[in-house]
Amino acid sequence: MALSSPTTDTTRQRLIEAAEPIFANLGYDGASVRNICQNAGANVAAVNYHFGDKRELYLETVKYAVANCCHHVRGATLPTDLSALEQLRWFIRMMVHGMLELPRPSAMHLMMRELAHPSEACTAAVEEFIRPMANHLRTLLRPLLPNDISELRLWMVGQSIVGQCLYYRQNRAVAERLMGTELFEQVNAEILSQHITTFTMAALGLEPSFFATNRESS
């Protein structure tokens, strides 16, 4: 295939952006290539030209969605003059901001759909985007945890942190109904990142007490 021109690159990107909400709402089987091309303002043959087939378009669209969900952490530069604890605080803050400030909700919807019903797209997204972030988090956690911590425990601590960050994005409709809209609207990115960091540090024995810390900051 010849090198893509700026025009063909633009068409390829339009196809991915048009495919994201359609795959997110309808899944792979329910999505129509014709509908995707229509929304992208492209000829149906454009999918074969740029991706080869619908499956490859889906793979690239999932990777695009996951990259968007991870960009706050992946794209930021970690300050080198911070302590190990402050570096972890920074990581959690960036992750929470990324989760709560996604410009396109369809990116998260597609990512969660794929993770719930994984295909080869899930494997590709994990290896290209999620594993580097997970390894980064484990690197930040190591100096804060006992030297003899097992790999299993290390993974579980990291995934507990990520799970807290994900909850208020993935389950925001449930949380809002449980808490009430007025109270839920107070949970902004800064408050949430502070809560997750303090809660995690107290659980790891790195803060004197979760409740004491919160009384001091209130």
C-alpha atoms as a PDB file:
ATOM      1  CA  MET A   1       0.000   0.000   0.000  1.00  0.00           C
ATOM      2  CA  ALA A   2       1.243   3.501  -0.825  1.00  0.00           C
ATOM      3  CA  LEU A   3       2.087   5.908   1.961  1.00  0.00           C
ATOM      4  CA  SER A   4      -1.014   7.661   3.246  1.00  0.00           C
ATOM      5  CA  SER A   5      -1.532  11.280   2.364  1.00  0.00           C
ATOM      6  CA  PRO A   6      -2.867  13.813   4.906  1.00  0.00           C
ATOM      7  CA  THR A   7      -6.286  13.360   3.260  1.00  0.00           C
ATOM      8  CA  THR A   8      -6.338   9.580   3.721  1.00  0.00           C
ATOM      9  CA  ASP A   9      -5.026   9.940   7.274  1.00  0.00           C
ATOM     10  CA  THR A  10      -7.934  12.276   7.996  1.00  0.00           C
ATOM     11  CA  THR A  11     -10.410   9.785   6.544  1.00  0.00           C
ATOM     12  CA  ARG A  12      -8.915   7.006   8.661  1.00  0.00           C
ATOM     13  CA  GLN A  13      -9.273   9.126  11.810  1.00  0.00           C
ATOM     14  CA  ARG A  14     -12.852  10.090  10.916  1.00  0.00           C
ATOM     15  CA  LEU A  15     -13.731   6.422  10.562  1.00  0.00           C
ATOM     16  CA  ILE A  16     -12.312   5.619  14.009  1.00  0.00           C
ATOM     17  CA  GLU A  17     -14.083   8.561  15.635  1.00  0.00           C
ATOM     18  CA  ALA A  18     -17.370   7.652  13.965  1.00  0.00           C
ATOM     19  CA  ALA A  19     -16.976   3.999  14.919  1.00  0.00           C
ATOM     20  CA  GLU A  20     -16.316   4.636  18.608  1.00  0.00           C
ATOM     21  CA  PRO A  21     -19.862   5.574  19.742  1.00  0.00           C
ATOM     22  CA  ILE A  22     -21.437   3.009  17.397  1.00  0.00           C
ATOM     23  CA  PHE A  23     -19.308   0.142  18.709  1.00  0.00           C
ATOM     24  CA  ALA A  24     -19.822   1.430  22.260  1.00  0.00           C
ATOM     25  CA  ASN A  25     -23.613   1.452  21.943  1.00  0.00           C
ATOM     26  CA  LEU A  26     -24.203  -1.551  19.671  1.00  0.00           C
ATOM     27  CA  GLY A  27     -21.160  -3.774  20.148  1.00  0.00           C
ATOM     28  CA  TYR A  28     -19.162  -5.369  17.367  1.00  0.00           C
ATOM     29  CA  ASP A  29     -21.958  -7.533  15.987  1.00  0.00           C
ATOM     30  CA  GLY A  30     -24.576  -4.785  16.096  1.00  0.00           C
ATOM     31  CA  ALA A  31     -22.434  -2.159  14.407  1.00  0.00           C
ATOM     32  CA  SER A  32     -22.813  -1.622  10.674  1.00  0.00           C
ATOM     33  CA  VAL A  33     -19.870  -0.665   8.475  1.00  0.00           C
ATOM     34  CA  ARG A  34     -22.290   1.228   6.256  1.00  0.00           C
ATOM     35  CA  ASN A  35     -23.583   3.235   9.220  1.00  0.00           C
ATOM     36  CA  ILE A  36     -20.039   3.976  10.423  1.00  0.00           C
ATOM     37  CA  CYS A  37     -18.999   5.176   6.970  1.00  0.00           C
ATOM     38  CA  GLN A  38     -22.130   7.273   6.641  1.00  0.00           C
ATOM     39  CA  ASN A  39     -21.417   9.005   9.966  1.00  0.00           C
ATOM     40  CA  ALA A  40     -17.784   9.513   8.943  1.00  0.00           C
ATOM     41  CA  GLY A  41     -18.729  10.954   5.564  1.00  0.00           C
ATOM     42  CA  ALA A  42     -16.712   8.241   3.836  1.00  0.00           C
ATOM     43  CA  ASN A  43     -17.285   5.652   1.131  1.00  0.00           C
ATOM     44  CA  VAL A  44     -17.951   2.092   2.349  1.00  0.00           C
ATOM     45  CA  ALA A  45     -14.783   0.977   0.550  1.00  0.00           C
ATOM     46  CA  ALA A  46     -12.760   3.262   2.852  1.00  0.00           C
ATOM     47  CA  VAL A  47     -12.903   0.691   5.676  1.00  0.00           C
ATOM     48  CA  ASN A  48     -11.255  -1.955   3.502  1.00  0.00           C
ATOM     49  CA  TYR A  49      -8.689   0.539   2.232  1.00  0.00           C
ATOM     50  CA  HIS A  50      -7.621   1.839   5.648  1.00  0.00           C
ATOM     51  CA  PHE A  51      -8.196  -1.209   7.863  1.00  0.00           C
ATOM     52  CA  GLY A  52      -8.695  -4.262   5.686  1.00  0.00           C
ATOM     53  CA  ASP A  53     -11.962  -5.261   7.350  1.00  0.00           C
ATOM     54  CA  LYS A  54     -14.449  -4.466  10.098  1.00  0.00           C
ATOM     55  CA  ARG A  55     -12.509  -6.515  12.687  1.00  0.00           C
ATOM     56  CA  GLU A  56      -9.371  -4.433  12.228  1.00  0.00           C
ATOM     57  CA  LEU A  57     -11.413  -1.222  12.413  1.00  0.00           C
ATOM     58  CA  TYR A  58     -12.841  -2.463  15.715  1.00  0.00           C
ATOM     59  CA  LEU A  59      -9.363  -3.284  17.027  1.00  0.00           C
ATOM     60  CA  GLU A  60      -8.044   0.185  16.190  1.00  0.00           C
ATOM     61  CA  THR A  61     -11.147   1.868  17.602  1.00  0.00           C
ATOM     62  CA  VAL A  62     -10.818   0.035  20.934  1.00  0.00           C
ATOM     63  CA  LYS A  63      -7.139   0.996  21.125  1.00  0.00           C
ATOM     64  CA  TYR A  64      -8.080   4.610  20.358  1.00  0.00           C
ATOM     65  CA  ALA A  65     -10.725   4.574  23.122  1.00  0.00           C
ATOM     66  CA  VAL A  66      -8.383   3.046  25.707  1.00  0.00           C
ATOM     67  CA  ALA A  67      -5.614   5.502  24.789  1.00  0.00           C
ATOM     68  CA  ASN A  68      -8.071   8.336  25.390  1.00  0.00           C
ATOM     69  CA  CYS A  69      -9.038   6.914  28.795  1.00  0.00           C
ATOM     70  CA  CYS A  70      -5.359   6.609  29.788  1.00  0.00           C
ATOM     71  CA  HIS A  71      -3.952   9.792  28.291  1.00  0.00           C
ATOM     72  CA  HIS A  72      -3.832  11.833  31.527  1.00  0.00           C
ATOM     73  CA  VAL A  73      -1.340   9.397  33.058  1.00  0.00           C
ATOM     74  CA  ARG A  74       0.445   8.295  29.879  1.00  0.00           C
ATOM     75  CA  GLY A  75       0.938  11.802  28.551  1.00  0.00           C
ATOM     76  CA  ALA A  76       2.058  13.486  31.756  1.00  0.00           C
ATOM     77  CA  THR A  77       5.650  13.794  32.925  1.00  0.00           C
ATOM     78  CA  LEU A  78       6.244  12.653  36.482  1.00  0.00           C
ATOM     79  CA  PRO A  79       8.173  15.271  38.489  1.00  0.00           C
ATOM     80  CA  THR A  80      11.512  13.744  39.471  1.00  0.00           C
ATOM     81  CA  ASP A  81      11.987  15.749  42.677  1.00  0.00           C
ATOM     82  CA  LEU A  82       9.035  14.207  44.525  1.00  0.00           C
ATOM     83  CA  SER A  83       9.225  11.644  47.297  1.00  0.00           C
ATOM     84  CA  ALA A  84       7.905   8.141  46.641  1.00  0.00           C
ATOM     85  CA  LEU A  85       4.699   8.989  48.479  1.00  0.00           C
ATOM     86  CA  GLU A  86       4.199  12.222  46.549  1.00  0.00           C
ATOM     87  CA  GLN A  87       4.799  10.397  43.280  1.00  0.00           C
ATOM     88  CA  LEU A  88       1.989   8.012  44.162  1.00  0.00           C
ATOM     89  CA  ARG A  89      -0.241  10.957  45.064  1.00  0.00           C
ATOM     90  CA  TRP A  90       0.561  12.465  41.658  1.00  0.00           C
ATOM     91  CA  PHE A  91      -0.267   9.212  39.830  1.00  0.00           C
ATOM     92  CA  ILE A  92      -3.647   8.881  41.575  1.00  0.00           C
ATOM     93  CA  ARG A  93      -4.475  12.527  40.910  1.00  0.00           C
ATOM     94  CA  MET A  94      -3.725  12.174  37.193  1.00  0.00           C
ATOM     95  CA  MET A  95      -5.737   8.955  36.949  1.00  0.00           C
ATOM     96  CA  VAL A  96      -8.769  10.448  38.694  1.00  0.00           C
ATOM     97  CA  HIS A  97      -8.694  13.576  36.541  1.00  0.00           C
ATOM     98  CA  GLY A  98      -8.496  11.361  33.460  1.00  0.00           C
ATOM     99  CA  MET A  99     -11.464   9.271  34.577  1.00  0.00           C
ATOM    100  CA  LEU A 100     -13.724  12.194  35.495  1.00  0.00           C
ATOM    101  CA  GLU A 101     -12.789  14.587  32.697  1.00  0.00           C
ATOM    102  CA  LEU A 102     -13.066  12.361  29.631  1.00  0.00           C
ATOM    103  CA  PRO A 103     -14.191  14.534  26.709  1.00  0.00           C
ATOM    104  CA  ARG A 104     -15.972  11.585  25.064  1.00  0.00           C
ATOM    105  CA  PRO A 105     -18.074   9.268  27.283  1.00  0.00           C
ATOM    106  CA  SER A 106     -18.171   6.761  24.410  1.00  0.00           C
ATOM    107  CA  ALA A 107     -14.463   6.043  24.973  1.00  0.00           C
ATOM    108  CA  MET A 108     -15.126   4.710  28.477  1.00  0.00           C
ATOM    109  CA  HIS A 109     -18.274   2.889  27.330  1.00  0.00           C
ATOM    110  CA  LEU A 110     -16.400   1.088  24.581  1.00  0.00           C
ATOM    111  CA  MET A 111     -13.475   0.225  26.847  1.00  0.00           C
ATOM    112  CA  MET A 112     -15.778  -1.216  29.525  1.00  0.00           C
ATOM    113  CA  ARG A 113     -17.792  -3.147  26.938  1.00  0.00           C
ATOM    114  CA  GLU A 114     -14.621  -4.714  25.581  1.00  0.00           C
ATOM    115  CA  LEU A 115     -13.273  -5.533  29.040  1.00  0.00           C
ATOM    116  CA  ALA A 116     -16.588  -7.181  29.937  1.00  0.00           C
ATOM    117  CA  HIS A 117     -16.582  -9.272  26.744  1.00  0.00           C
ATOM    118  CA  PRO A 118     -12.901  -9.447  25.771  1.00  0.00           C
ATOM    119  CA  SER A 119     -11.690 -10.154  22.263  1.00  0.00           C
ATOM    120  CA  GLU A 120      -8.241  -9.838  20.726  1.00  0.00           C
ATOM    121  CA  ALA A 121      -8.787  -6.080  20.973  1.00  0.00           C
ATOM    122  CA  CYS A 122      -8.674  -6.394  24.773  1.00  0.00           C
ATOM    123  CA  THR A 123      -5.299  -8.151  24.628  1.00  0.00           C
ATOM    124  CA  ALA A 124      -3.886  -5.490  22.308  1.00  0.00           C
ATOM    125  CA  ALA A 125      -5.176  -2.633  24.478  1.00  0.00           C
ATOM    126  CA  VAL A 126      -3.844  -4.208  27.674  1.00  0.00           C
ATOM    127  CA  GLU A 127      -0.373  -4.752  26.247  1.00  0.00           C
ATOM    128  CA  GLU A 128      -0.079  -1.371  24.532  1.00  0.00           C
ATOM    129  CA  PHE A 129      -1.717   0.951  27.053  1.00  0.00           C
ATOM    130  CA  ILE A 130      -2.813  -0.650  30.319  1.00  0.00           C
ATOM    131  CA  ARG A 131       0.223  -2.804  31.162  1.00  0.00           C
ATOM    132  CA  PRO A 132       2.702   0.122  30.953  1.00  0.00           C
ATOM    133  CA  MET A 133       0.512   2.100  33.385  1.00  0.00           C
ATOM    134  CA  ALA A 134       0.162  -0.902  35.703  1.00  0.00           C
ATOM    135  CA  ASN A 135       3.915  -1.462  35.703  1.00  0.00           C
ATOM    136  CA  HIS A 136       4.449   2.234  36.407  1.00  0.00           C
ATOM    137  CA  LEU A 137       2.088   2.057  39.380  1.00  0.00           C
ATOM    138  CA  ARG A 138       3.847  -1.049  40.720  1.00  0.00           C
ATOM    139  CA  THR A 139       7.186   0.772  40.427  1.00  0.00           C
ATOM    140  CA  LEU A 140       5.770   3.662  42.482  1.00  0.00           C
ATOM    141  CA  LEU A 141       4.382   1.290  45.112  1.00  0.00           C
ATOM    142  CA  ARG A 142       7.497  -0.851  45.642  1.00  0.00           C
ATOM    143  CA  PRO A 143       9.482   1.627  47.815  1.00  0.00           C
ATOM    144  CA  LEU A 144       6.383   2.251  49.940  1.00  0.00           C
ATOM    145  CA  LEU A 145       5.694  -1.398  50.729  1.00  0.00           C
ATOM    146  CA  PRO A 146       7.616  -4.067  52.672  1.00  0.00           C
ATOM    147  CA  ASN A 147      10.606  -5.501  50.820  1.00  0.00           C
ATOM    148  CA  ASP A 148       9.237  -9.020  51.112  1.00  0.00           C
ATOM    149  CA  ILE A 149       5.809  -8.237  49.641  1.00  0.00           C
ATOM    150  CA  SER A 150       4.708 -10.929  47.214  1.00  0.00           C
ATOM    151  CA  GLU A 151       3.982 -10.237  43.560  1.00  0.00           C
ATOM    152  CA  LEU A 152       0.361 -11.198  44.205  1.00  0.00           C
ATOM    153  CA  ARG A 153       0.010  -8.618  46.984  1.00  0.00           C
ATOM    154  CA  LEU A 154       1.740  -5.968  44.918  1.00  0.00           C
ATOM    155  CA  TRP A 155      -0.650  -6.519  42.020  1.00  0.00           C
ATOM    156  CA  MET A 156      -3.652  -6.496  44.353  1.00  0.00           C
ATOM    157  CA  VAL A 157      -2.652  -3.207  45.992  1.00  0.00           C
ATOM    158  CA  GLY A 158      -2.242  -1.581  42.590  1.00  0.00           C
ATOM    159  CA  GLN A 159      -5.547  -2.912  41.321  1.00  0.00           C
ATOM    160  CA  SER A 160      -7.311  -1.738  44.479  1.00  0.00           C
ATOM    161  CA  ILE A 161      -6.134   1.800  43.728  1.00  0.00           C
ATOM    162  CA  VAL A 162      -7.260   1.606  40.106  1.00  0.00           C
ATOM    163  CA  GLY A 163     -10.604   0.160  41.195  1.00  0.00           C
ATOM    164  CA  GLN A 164     -11.263   3.152  43.442  1.00  0.00           C
ATOM    165  CA  CYS A 165     -10.454   5.516  40.579  1.00  0.00           C
ATOM    166  CA  LEU A 166     -12.723   3.638  38.189  1.00  0.00           C
ATOM    167  CA  TYR A 167     -15.699   3.394  40.518  1.00  0.00           C
ATOM    168  CA  TYR A 168     -16.831   7.014  40.333  1.00  0.00           C
ATOM    169  CA  ARG A 169     -16.629   6.957  36.543  1.00  0.00           C
ATOM    170  CA  GLN A 170     -17.985   3.520  35.758  1.00  0.00           C
ATOM    171  CA  ASN A 171     -20.682   3.553  38.464  1.00  0.00           C
ATOM    172  CA  ARG A 172     -21.440   7.233  38.655  1.00  0.00           C
ATOM    173  CA  ALA A 173     -25.157   6.711  37.970  1.00  0.00           C
ATOM    174  CA  VAL A 174     -25.402   4.301  40.907  1.00  0.00           C
ATOM    175  CA  ALA A 175     -23.293   6.519  43.198  1.00  0.00           C
ATOM    176  CA  GLU A 176     -25.394   9.580  42.378  1.00  0.00           C
ATOM    177  CA  ARG A 177     -28.637   7.747  43.149  1.00  0.00           C
ATOM    178  CA  LEU A 178     -27.230   6.370  46.389  1.00  0.00           C
ATOM    179  CA  MET A 179     -25.743   9.639  47.610  1.00  0.00           C
ATOM    180  CA  GLY A 180     -28.245  12.054  46.110  1.00  0.00           C
ATOM    181  CA  THR A 181     -27.393  14.550  43.379  1.00  0.00           C
ATOM    182  CA  GLU A 182     -26.535  17.447  45.693  1.00  0.00           C
ATOM    183  CA  LEU A 183     -23.991  15.432  47.680  1.00  0.00           C
ATOM    184  CA  PHE A 184     -22.626  13.589  44.651  1.00  0.00           C
ATOM    185  CA  GLU A 185     -21.900  16.847  42.811  1.00  0.00           C
ATOM    186  CA  GLN A 186     -19.404  17.710  45.559  1.00  0.00           C
ATOM    187  CA  VAL A 187     -17.238  14.762  44.491  1.00  0.00           C
ATOM    188  CA  ASN A 188     -14.928  16.541  42.059  1.00  0.00           C
ATOM    189  CA  ALA A 189     -11.607  15.227  40.781  1.00  0.00           C
ATOM    190  CA  GLU A 190      -9.504  16.962  43.431  1.00  0.00           C
ATOM    191  CA  ILE A 191     -11.624  15.812  46.388  1.00  0.00           C
ATOM    192  CA  LEU A 192     -11.800  12.278  45.042  1.00  0.00           C
ATOM    193  CA  SER A 193      -8.073  11.986  44.367  1.00  0.00           C
ATOM    194  CA  GLN A 194      -7.327  13.255  47.884  1.00  0.00           C
ATOM    195  CA  HIS A 195      -9.769  10.720  49.368  1.00  0.00           C
ATOM    196  CA  ILE A 196      -8.350   7.771  47.420  1.00  0.00           C
ATOM    197  CA  THR A 197      -4.780   8.716  48.287  1.00  0.00           C
ATOM    198  CA  THR A 198      -5.512   9.184  52.000  1.00  0.00           C
ATOM    199  CA  PHE A 199      -7.609   6.019  52.189  1.00  0.00           C
ATOM    200  CA  THR A 200      -4.912   3.983  50.426  1.00  0.00           C
ATOM    201  CA  MET A 201      -2.077   5.383  52.512  1.00  0.00           C
ATOM    202  CA  ALA A 202      -3.952   4.662  55.760  1.00  0.00           C
ATOM    203  CA  ALA A 203      -4.686   1.104  54.612  1.00  0.00           C
ATOM    204  CA  LEU A 204      -0.981   0.594  53.894  1.00  0.00           C
ATOM    205  CA  GLY A 205       0.029   2.047  57.249  1.00  0.00           C
ATOM    206  CA  LEU A 206       1.627   5.100  55.635  1.00  0.00           C
ATOM    207  CA  GLU A 207      -0.781   7.589  57.260  1.00  0.00           C
ATOM    208  CA  PRO A 208      -1.521   7.610  61.008  1.00  0.00           C
ATOM    209  CA  SER A 209      -5.244   7.145  60.528  1.00  0.00           C
ATOM    210  CA  PHE A 210      -7.718   7.732  57.727  1.00  0.00           C
ATOM    211  CA  PHE A 211     -10.197   9.373  60.071  1.00  0.00           C
ATOM    212  CA  ALA A 212      -7.562  11.434  61.897  1.00  0.00           C
ATOM    213  CA  THR A 213      -6.193  12.692  58.599  1.00  0.00           C
ATOM    214  CA  ASN A 214      -9.651  13.656  57.401  1.00  0.00           C
ATOM    215  CA  ARG A 215     -10.454  15.459  60.666  1.00  0.00           C
ATOM    216  CA  GLU A 216      -7.272  17.466  60.289  1.00  0.00           C
ATOM    217  CA  SER A 217      -8.114  18.452  56.706  1.00  0.00           C
ATOM    218  CA  SER A 218     -11.766  19.264  57.386  1.00  0.00           C
END
